[in-house]
Amino acid sequence: MKIPEKIQEKPEIKTELPISSEKAPETSVAQKTTKPLSRSGISSGFSINSFLNQEEKVETTENVAVKTETLPKNHFTDTDLQVEWKIMLKQLQVKNNFVFNAVKTFKLVKAEENKIKVLFPSDSAKVEFDKISGEFFNHFRRKVQNHIIEVEYVRDVENLKIEVVTKRKIFEKFIEKNPLLKDLDDLMKFDLT
């Protein structure tokens, strides 16, 4: 067994720093903060206190009356109305197919010089028409330069096609296509009630 040799120890070198007249700033680990550590300046936009202490604000609306005497009152024809309505339907078919299906059966007719009658089949279809009517009539007024156009809504019951289809009616339509079915019915005496 070998005995380890003595390791030489290095002499310690002491260096002294010059002492200055200024005191070094003391830093403490347990320093209190006055500001939150998170990002400041970001708020959610909703304050519960402001909501609870909210005062009722009285909103005043100003009614601005536009004199129709100064607006243009040019003549327009029923053809102008129909052309613009067809353009609107084509745009609706691409943009909003649901509204298009609801309003495609509407008929717009020029009733008097400055009056348009809108014939609609049902109240639910009229609700869908109300979504686009403002846009359409504003566009049409500017197009024909007649700003005193009045719109009258009339429910058109005849336009709403409700047909009760019975088995007899279906069979009669088949007879028109193939007359031999009539002979078969005479022979077999089908019960089509």
C-alpha atoms as a PDB file:
ATOM      1  CA  MET A   1       0.000   0.000   0.000  1.00  0.00           C
ATOM      2  CA  LYS A   2       1.227   3.322  -0.933  1.00  0.00           C
ATOM      3  CA  ILE A   3       0.950   6.337   1.284  1.00  0.00           C
ATOM      4  CA  PRO A   4      -0.178   9.457  -0.428  1.00  0.00           C
ATOM      5  CA  GLU A   5       2.241  12.241  -0.526  1.00  0.00           C
ATOM      6  CA  LYS A   6       1.565  15.426   1.212  1.00  0.00           C
ATOM      7  CA  ILE A   7      -0.132  17.919  -0.980  1.00  0.00           C
ATOM      8  CA  GLN A   8       1.404  21.268  -0.916  1.00  0.00           C
ATOM      9  CA  GLU A   9      -0.898  23.959   0.210  1.00  0.00           C
ATOM     10  CA  LYS A  10      -0.945  27.206  -1.678  1.00  0.00           C
ATOM     11  CA  PRO A  11      -0.422  30.271   0.395  1.00  0.00           C
ATOM     12  CA  GLU A  12      -3.494  32.487   0.728  1.00  0.00           C
ATOM     13  CA  ILE A  13      -3.293  35.780  -1.036  1.00  0.00           C
ATOM     14  CA  LYS A  14      -5.239  38.532   0.587  1.00  0.00           C
ATOM     15  CA  THR A  15      -6.052  41.612  -1.368  1.00  0.00           C
ATOM     16  CA  GLU A  16      -7.463  44.612   0.260  1.00  0.00           C
ATOM     17  CA  LEU A  17      -9.860  46.834  -1.569  1.00  0.00           C
ATOM     18  CA  PRO A  18      -9.440  50.514  -1.077  1.00  0.00           C
ATOM     19  CA  ILE A  19     -12.141  51.892   1.165  1.00  0.00           C
ATOM     20  CA  SER A  20     -13.986  54.744  -0.385  1.00  0.00           C
ATOM     21  CA  SER A  21     -15.927  57.407   1.351  1.00  0.00           C
ATOM     22  CA  GLU A  22     -19.175  56.446  -0.468  1.00  0.00           C
ATOM     23  CA  LYS A  23     -21.317  53.784   1.045  1.00  0.00           C
ATOM     24  CA  ALA A  24     -22.325  50.917  -1.171  1.00  0.00           C
ATOM     25  CA  PRO A  25     -26.060  50.747  -1.817  1.00  0.00           C
ATOM     26  CA  GLU A  26     -27.717  48.233   0.402  1.00  0.00           C
ATOM     27  CA  THR A  27     -30.117  45.830  -1.213  1.00  0.00           C
ATOM     28  CA  SER A  28     -32.534  43.930   0.841  1.00  0.00           C
ATOM     29  CA  VAL A  29     -34.154  40.749  -0.274  1.00  0.00           C
ATOM     30  CA  ALA A  30     -37.487  41.408   1.402  1.00  0.00           C
ATOM     31  CA  GLN A  31     -38.243  44.699  -0.313  1.00  0.00           C
ATOM     32  CA  LYS A  32     -41.917  45.594  -0.636  1.00  0.00           C
ATOM     33  CA  THR A  33     -43.353  46.820  -3.929  1.00  0.00           C
ATOM     34  CA  THR A  34     -45.957  49.477  -4.378  1.00  0.00           C
ATOM     35  CA  LYS A  35     -46.901  48.479  -7.913  1.00  0.00           C
ATOM     36  CA  PRO A  36     -48.221  45.120  -9.092  1.00  0.00           C
ATOM     37  CA  LEU A  37     -45.685  42.862 -10.692  1.00  0.00           C
ATOM     38  CA  SER A  38     -47.912  42.121 -13.701  1.00  0.00           C
ATOM     39  CA  ARG A  39     -48.170  44.313 -16.767  1.00  0.00           C
ATOM     40  CA  SER A  40     -49.810  47.588 -16.019  1.00  0.00           C
ATOM     41  CA  GLY A  41     -52.182  49.529 -18.210  1.00  0.00           C
ATOM     42  CA  ILE A  42     -54.185  46.552 -19.423  1.00  0.00           C
ATOM     43  CA  SER A  43     -57.771  46.538 -18.289  1.00  0.00           C
ATOM     44  CA  SER A  44     -60.647  44.281 -19.167  1.00  0.00           C
ATOM     45  CA  GLY A  45     -62.905  47.183 -20.030  1.00  0.00           C
ATOM     46  CA  PHE A  46     -65.548  46.165 -17.509  1.00  0.00           C
ATOM     47  CA  SER A  47     -65.656  47.369 -13.966  1.00  0.00           C
ATOM     48  CA  ILE A  48     -68.102  45.885 -11.489  1.00  0.00           C
ATOM     49  CA  ASN A  49     -68.038  49.033  -9.357  1.00  0.00           C
ATOM     50  CA  SER A  50     -68.868  51.268 -12.303  1.00  0.00           C
ATOM     51  CA  PHE A  51     -71.669  48.898 -13.311  1.00  0.00           C
ATOM     52  CA  LEU A  52     -73.170  48.926  -9.812  1.00  0.00           C
ATOM     53  CA  ASN A  53     -72.807  52.697  -9.466  1.00  0.00           C
ATOM     54  CA  GLN A  54     -74.014  53.425 -12.954  1.00  0.00           C
ATOM     55  CA  GLU A  55     -76.329  56.352 -13.224  1.00  0.00           C
ATOM     56  CA  GLU A  56     -79.284  56.190 -15.539  1.00  0.00           C
ATOM     57  CA  LYS A  57     -78.420  58.257 -18.542  1.00  0.00           C
ATOM     58  CA  VAL A  58     -81.204  60.007 -20.339  1.00  0.00           C
ATOM     59  CA  GLU A  59     -80.643  59.722 -24.048  1.00  0.00           C
ATOM     60  CA  THR A  60     -82.021  62.463 -26.154  1.00  0.00           C
ATOM     61  CA  THR A  61     -82.674  61.818 -29.778  1.00  0.00           C
ATOM     62  CA  GLU A  62     -82.834  64.577 -32.249  1.00  0.00           C
ATOM     63  CA  ASN A  63     -85.389  64.253 -34.962  1.00  0.00           C
ATOM     64  CA  VAL A  64     -83.944  65.625 -38.130  1.00  0.00           C
ATOM     65  CA  ALA A  65     -86.655  66.460 -40.572  1.00  0.00           C
ATOM     66  CA  VAL A  66     -85.606  66.441 -44.181  1.00  0.00           C
ATOM     67  CA  LYS A  67     -87.728  68.612 -46.376  1.00  0.00           C
ATOM     68  CA  THR A  68     -88.984  66.524 -49.264  1.00  0.00           C
ATOM     69  CA  GLU A  69     -89.530  69.648 -51.317  1.00  0.00           C
ATOM     70  CA  THR A  70     -85.792  69.949 -51.926  1.00  0.00           C
ATOM     71  CA  LEU A  71     -85.267  66.300 -52.880  1.00  0.00           C
ATOM     72  CA  PRO A  72     -85.572  65.209 -56.519  1.00  0.00           C
ATOM     73  CA  LYS A  73     -88.907  63.750 -57.664  1.00  0.00           C
ATOM     74  CA  ASN A  74     -88.135  62.237 -61.047  1.00  0.00           C
ATOM     75  CA  HIS A  75     -90.509  59.908 -62.856  1.00  0.00           C
ATOM     76  CA  PHE A  76     -89.861  56.154 -62.847  1.00  0.00           C
ATOM     77  CA  THR A  77     -91.576  53.303 -64.631  1.00  0.00           C
ATOM     78  CA  ASP A  78     -92.674  49.866 -63.546  1.00  0.00           C
ATOM     79  CA  THR A  79     -89.967  48.448 -65.823  1.00  0.00           C
ATOM     80  CA  ASP A  80     -87.299  50.338 -63.837  1.00  0.00           C
ATOM     81  CA  LEU A  81     -88.678  48.805 -60.658  1.00  0.00           C
ATOM     82  CA  GLN A  82     -88.755  45.263 -62.071  1.00  0.00           C
ATOM     83  CA  VAL A  83     -85.208  45.492 -63.446  1.00  0.00           C
ATOM     84  CA  GLU A  84     -83.799  46.675 -60.107  1.00  0.00           C
ATOM     85  CA  TRP A  85     -85.778  44.012 -58.216  1.00  0.00           C
ATOM     86  CA  LYS A  86     -84.367  41.255 -60.461  1.00  0.00           C
ATOM     87  CA  ILE A  87     -80.828  42.566 -59.913  1.00  0.00           C
ATOM     88  CA  MET A  88     -81.429  42.558 -56.156  1.00  0.00           C
ATOM     89  CA  LEU A  89     -82.728  38.967 -56.290  1.00  0.00           C
ATOM     90  CA  LYS A  90     -79.643  37.827 -58.215  1.00  0.00           C
ATOM     91  CA  GLN A  91     -77.372  39.440 -55.636  1.00  0.00           C
ATOM     92  CA  LEU A  92     -79.364  37.890 -52.791  1.00  0.00           C
ATOM     93  CA  GLN A  93     -79.163  34.443 -54.337  1.00  0.00           C
ATOM     94  CA  VAL A  94     -75.379  34.615 -54.104  1.00  0.00           C
ATOM     95  CA  LYS A  95     -75.097  36.533 -50.830  1.00  0.00           C
ATOM     96  CA  ASN A  96     -77.919  35.131 -48.637  1.00  0.00           C
ATOM     97  CA  ASN A  97     -79.778  32.166 -50.071  1.00  0.00           C
ATOM     98  CA  PHE A  98     -82.167  31.878 -47.103  1.00  0.00           C
ATOM     99  CA  VAL A  99     -83.512  35.412 -47.524  1.00  0.00           C
ATOM    100  CA  PHE A 100     -83.618  34.907 -51.303  1.00  0.00           C
ATOM    101  CA  ASN A 101     -85.901  31.863 -50.943  1.00  0.00           C
ATOM    102  CA  ALA A 102     -88.198  33.820 -48.638  1.00  0.00           C
ATOM    103  CA  VAL A 103     -88.566  36.895 -50.873  1.00  0.00           C
ATOM    104  CA  LYS A 104     -88.381  35.508 -54.406  1.00  0.00           C
ATOM    105  CA  THR A 105     -92.193  35.237 -54.588  1.00  0.00           C
ATOM    106  CA  PHE A 106     -92.711  38.906 -53.668  1.00  0.00           C
ATOM    107  CA  LYS A 107     -94.203  41.116 -56.349  1.00  0.00           C
ATOM    108  CA  LEU A 108     -93.381  44.794 -56.546  1.00  0.00           C
ATOM    109  CA  VAL A 109     -95.854  46.890 -58.529  1.00  0.00           C
ATOM    110  CA  LYS A 110     -95.932  50.610 -59.231  1.00  0.00           C
ATOM    111  CA  ALA A 111     -99.368  51.639 -57.946  1.00  0.00           C
ATOM    112  CA  GLU A 112     -99.305  55.414 -58.420  1.00  0.00           C
ATOM    113  CA  GLU A 113     -96.755  57.995 -59.511  1.00  0.00           C
ATOM    114  CA  ASN A 114     -94.816  57.837 -56.245  1.00  0.00           C
ATOM    115  CA  LYS A 115     -96.186  54.665 -54.651  1.00  0.00           C
ATOM    116  CA  ILE A 116     -94.945  51.077 -54.777  1.00  0.00           C
ATOM    117  CA  LYS A 117     -97.098  48.152 -53.660  1.00  0.00           C
ATOM    118  CA  VAL A 118     -95.271  45.158 -52.249  1.00  0.00           C
ATOM    119  CA  LEU A 119     -97.360  41.983 -52.469  1.00  0.00           C
ATOM    120  CA  PHE A 120     -96.159  39.395 -49.967  1.00  0.00           C
ATOM    121  CA  PRO A 121     -97.403  35.838 -49.311  1.00  0.00           C
ATOM    122  CA  SER A 122     -96.857  35.454 -45.551  1.00  0.00           C
ATOM    123  CA  ASP A 123     -95.808  37.329 -42.436  1.00  0.00           C
ATOM    124  CA  SER A 124     -92.672  35.257 -41.978  1.00  0.00           C
ATOM    125  CA  ALA A 125     -91.567  36.099 -45.517  1.00  0.00           C
ATOM    126  CA  LYS A 126     -92.231  39.786 -44.804  1.00  0.00           C
ATOM    127  CA  VAL A 127     -89.920  39.625 -41.780  1.00  0.00           C
ATOM    128  CA  GLU A 128     -87.122  38.410 -44.061  1.00  0.00           C
ATOM    129  CA  PHE A 129     -87.986  41.108 -46.619  1.00  0.00           C
ATOM    130  CA  ASP A 130     -87.732  43.778 -43.911  1.00  0.00           C
ATOM    131  CA  LYS A 131     -84.055  42.835 -43.493  1.00  0.00           C
ATOM    132  CA  ILE A 132     -83.265  43.913 -47.064  1.00  0.00           C
ATOM    133  CA  SER A 133     -86.045  46.392 -47.849  1.00  0.00           C
ATOM    134  CA  GLY A 134     -84.233  49.454 -46.512  1.00  0.00           C
ATOM    135  CA  GLU A 135     -81.166  48.718 -48.598  1.00  0.00           C
ATOM    136  CA  PHE A 136     -83.237  48.009 -51.716  1.00  0.00           C
ATOM    137  CA  PHE A 137     -85.524  51.038 -51.531  1.00  0.00           C
ATOM    138  CA  ASN A 138     -82.674  53.429 -50.679  1.00  0.00           C
ATOM    139  CA  HIS A 139     -80.756  52.127 -53.684  1.00  0.00           C
ATOM    140  CA  PHE A 140     -83.826  52.409 -55.901  1.00  0.00           C
ATOM    141  CA  ARG A 141     -84.593  55.979 -54.766  1.00  0.00           C
ATOM    142  CA  ARG A 142     -81.056  57.062 -55.616  1.00  0.00           C
ATOM    143  CA  LYS A 143     -81.084  55.174 -58.915  1.00  0.00           C
ATOM    144  CA  VAL A 144     -84.291  56.783 -60.230  1.00  0.00           C
ATOM    145  CA  GLN A 145     -83.696  60.042 -58.314  1.00  0.00           C
ATOM    146  CA  ASN A 146     -87.111  60.025 -56.692  1.00  0.00           C
ATOM    147  CA  HIS A 147     -86.895  60.419 -52.916  1.00  0.00           C
ATOM    148  CA  ILE A 148     -90.614  60.717 -52.165  1.00  0.00           C
ATOM    149  CA  ILE A 149     -91.488  57.118 -53.016  1.00  0.00           C
ATOM    150  CA  GLU A 150     -93.913  55.548 -50.561  1.00  0.00           C
ATOM    151  CA  VAL A 151     -94.109  51.812 -49.953  1.00  0.00           C
ATOM    152  CA  GLU A 152     -97.363  49.990 -49.219  1.00  0.00           C
ATOM    153  CA  TYR A 153     -97.408  46.354 -48.079  1.00  0.00           C
ATOM    154  CA  VAL A 154    -100.338  44.175 -49.143  1.00  0.00           C
ATOM    155  CA  ARG A 155    -100.771  40.529 -48.206  1.00  0.00           C
ATOM    156  CA  ASP A 156    -101.324  38.508 -51.365  1.00  0.00           C
ATOM    157  CA  VAL A 157    -103.209  35.332 -50.497  1.00  0.00           C
ATOM    158  CA  GLU A 158    -103.361  34.176 -54.116  1.00  0.00           C
ATOM    159  CA  ASN A 159     -99.590  34.346 -54.377  1.00  0.00           C
ATOM    160  CA  LEU A 160     -99.253  31.789 -51.589  1.00  0.00           C
ATOM    161  CA  LYS A 161     -99.886  28.498 -53.327  1.00  0.00           C
ATOM    162  CA  ILE A 162    -101.315  25.968 -50.932  1.00  0.00           C
ATOM    163  CA  GLU A 163    -102.633  23.001 -52.834  1.00  0.00           C
ATOM    164  CA  VAL A 164    -103.933  19.870 -51.203  1.00  0.00           C
ATOM    165  CA  VAL A 165    -102.710  16.938 -53.238  1.00  0.00           C
ATOM    166  CA  THR A 166    -104.806  13.808 -52.861  1.00  0.00           C
ATOM    167  CA  LYS A 167    -104.110  10.330 -54.183  1.00  0.00           C
ATOM    168  CA  ARG A 168    -106.819  10.838 -56.825  1.00  0.00           C
ATOM    169  CA  LYS A 169    -105.105  14.020 -58.130  1.00  0.00           C
ATOM    170  CA  ILE A 170    -101.752  12.284 -58.281  1.00  0.00           C
ATOM    171  CA  PHE A 171    -103.289   9.377 -60.178  1.00  0.00           C
ATOM    172  CA  GLU A 172    -105.005  11.779 -62.632  1.00  0.00           C
ATOM    173  CA  LYS A 173    -101.632  13.382 -63.376  1.00  0.00           C
ATOM    174  CA  PHE A 174    -100.243   9.918 -64.122  1.00  0.00           C
ATOM    175  CA  ILE A 175    -103.227   9.231 -66.387  1.00  0.00           C
ATOM    176  CA  GLU A 176    -102.341  12.357 -68.408  1.00  0.00           C
ATOM    177  CA  LYS A 177     -98.877  10.908 -68.958  1.00  0.00           C
ATOM    178  CA  ASN A 178    -100.028   7.357 -69.588  1.00  0.00           C
ATOM    179  CA  PRO A 179    -103.664   6.899 -70.695  1.00  0.00           C
ATOM    180  CA  LEU A 180    -103.478   3.115 -70.234  1.00  0.00           C
ATOM    181  CA  LEU A 181    -103.692   3.671 -66.468  1.00  0.00           C
ATOM    182  CA  LYS A 182    -107.309   4.779 -66.926  1.00  0.00           C
ATOM    183  CA  ASP A 183    -108.167   1.399 -68.429  1.00  0.00           C
ATOM    184  CA  LEU A 184    -106.361  -0.284 -65.551  1.00  0.00           C
ATOM    185  CA  ASP A 185    -108.364   1.767 -63.052  1.00  0.00           C
ATOM    186  CA  ASP A 186    -111.624   0.815 -64.772  1.00  0.00           C
ATOM    187  CA  LEU A 187    -110.663  -2.838 -64.677  1.00  0.00           C
ATOM    188  CA  MET A 188    -109.249  -2.975 -61.122  1.00  0.00           C
ATOM    189  CA  LYS A 189    -111.429  -0.329 -59.428  1.00  0.00           C
ATOM    190  CA  PHE A 190    -108.636   1.305 -57.380  1.00  0.00           C
ATOM    191  CA  ASP A 191    -109.597   2.930 -54.101  1.00  0.00           C
ATOM    192  CA  LEU A 192    -108.026   6.398 -54.431  1.00  0.00           C
ATOM    193  CA  THR A 193    -109.886   8.273 -51.720  1.00  0.00           C
END
